[in-house]
Amino acid sequence: LFLFSCGKDKEEKKSDKADILSWKVGDKAATISGKDITITLADGTDIKTIKSDVKISDKASISPDPARKTDFTSPLTFPVTAKDGTTTKKYK
């Protein structure tokens, strides 16, 4: 007698990782220290229309989306939410 199961024995654990792994604007890489992001851009850069290339934890989400044009004339906070839907880290 053989028994086979196609179902999952355990429910898949959703990740609690909510990290910004890297942040770039053009060829300039930011420094990430804890939850603080620092980047130095060239004089004359229009900081009202910055598009960033950001890598975050697998299956996590970030809002607002830094890949869209973003106005950085005032300090912003970027919450990153893990796949588990409850773990959030706020980067600034």
Protein backbone atom coordinates (compact mmCIF):
# COMPACT_ATOMS: atom_id res chain seq x y z
CA LEU A 1 0.00 0.00 0.00
CA PHE A 2 1.38 3.38 -1.06
CA LEU A 3 0.01 6.75 -0.01
CA PHE A 4 0.95 9.98 -1.71
CA SER A 5 0.08 13.52 -0.81
CA CYS A 6 0.21 16.56 -3.04
CA GLY A 7 -0.76 19.03 -0.33
CA LYS A 8 1.61 20.95 1.87
CA ASP A 9 2.24 19.49 5.29
CA LYS A 10 3.15 22.86 6.70
CA GLU A 11 1.83 26.25 5.80
CA GLU A 12 4.51 28.34 4.10
CA LYS A 13 6.03 30.79 6.57
CA LYS A 14 5.79 34.34 5.28
CA SER A 15 9.00 36.32 5.56
CA ASP A 16 9.37 39.04 8.19
CA LYS A 17 12.24 40.70 6.28
CA ALA A 18 11.56 44.40 5.64
CA ASP A 19 14.93 45.82 4.65
CA ILE A 20 16.24 48.28 2.11
CA LEU A 21 19.27 46.48 0.72
CA SER A 22 20.51 49.23 -1.60
CA TRP A 23 19.47 52.65 -2.88
CA LYS A 24 20.88 54.37 -5.98
CA VAL A 25 20.15 57.52 -7.92
CA GLY A 26 21.80 57.21 -11.31
CA ASP A 27 25.34 56.02 -10.61
CA LYS A 28 25.38 57.38 -7.04
CA ALA A 29 24.92 54.82 -4.27
CA ALA A 30 23.42 55.81 -0.94
CA THR A 31 24.77 54.87 2.46
CA ILE A 32 22.24 52.99 4.59
CA SER A 33 22.94 53.13 8.33
CA GLY A 34 20.23 51.53 10.40
CA LYS A 35 17.09 53.17 9.06
CA ASP A 36 18.82 56.31 7.76
CA ILE A 37 19.55 56.74 4.04
CA THR A 38 22.14 59.31 2.94
CA ILE A 39 23.18 60.18 -0.61
CA THR A 40 25.18 63.06 -2.06
CA LEU A 41 24.09 64.25 -5.49
CA ALA A 42 25.75 66.66 -7.89
CA ASP A 43 25.11 70.39 -7.53
CA GLY A 44 22.17 71.42 -9.69
CA THR A 45 20.34 68.08 -9.38
CA ASP A 46 16.58 68.68 -9.49
CA ILE A 47 15.54 67.06 -6.20
CA LYS A 48 11.86 67.53 -7.05
CA THR A 49 11.93 64.77 -9.69
CA ILE A 50 14.29 62.08 -8.38
CA LYS A 51 13.83 58.48 -9.52
CA SER A 52 15.66 55.94 -7.37
CA ASP A 53 16.71 52.35 -7.98
CA VAL A 54 15.97 50.58 -4.70
CA LYS A 55 16.47 46.93 -3.76
CA ILE A 56 14.36 45.64 -0.87
CA SER A 57 13.86 42.29 0.84
CA ASP A 58 12.33 39.56 -1.31
CA LYS A 59 8.52 39.83 -1.48
CA ALA A 60 8.51 43.05 0.60
CA SER A 61 6.83 46.28 -0.53
CA ILE A 62 7.79 49.94 -0.23
CA SER A 63 5.63 53.06 -0.32
CA PRO A 64 5.81 55.58 -1.81
CA ASP A 65 7.48 53.86 -4.77
CA PRO A 66 10.93 55.49 -5.08
CA ALA A 67 11.16 54.36 -8.73
CA ARG A 68 8.56 57.02 -9.54
CA LYS A 69 9.48 60.69 -9.65
CA THR A 70 9.72 61.80 -6.03
CA ASP A 71 10.06 65.28 -4.53
CA PHE A 72 12.84 65.28 -1.91
CA THR A 73 12.64 68.99 -0.99
CA SER A 74 11.29 67.88 2.41
CA PRO A 75 12.34 64.82 4.43
CA LEU A 76 10.41 61.67 3.49
CA THR A 77 9.78 58.36 5.22
CA PHE A 78 9.70 55.11 3.22
CA PRO A 79 7.94 52.29 5.09
CA VAL A 80 9.00 48.81 3.94
CA THR A 81 6.51 46.06 4.76
CA ALA A 82 7.52 42.40 4.83
CA LYS A 83 5.62 39.63 3.08
CA ASP A 84 4.03 38.70 6.44
CA GLY A 85 2.07 41.96 6.17
CA THR A 86 2.80 43.04 9.75
CA THR A 87 6.54 43.67 10.00
CA THR A 88 7.35 47.23 8.89
CA LYS A 89 10.53 49.29 9.05
CA LYS A 90 10.43 53.04 8.35
CA TYR A 91 13.45 54.41 6.52
CA LYS A 92 14.23 58.10 6.17
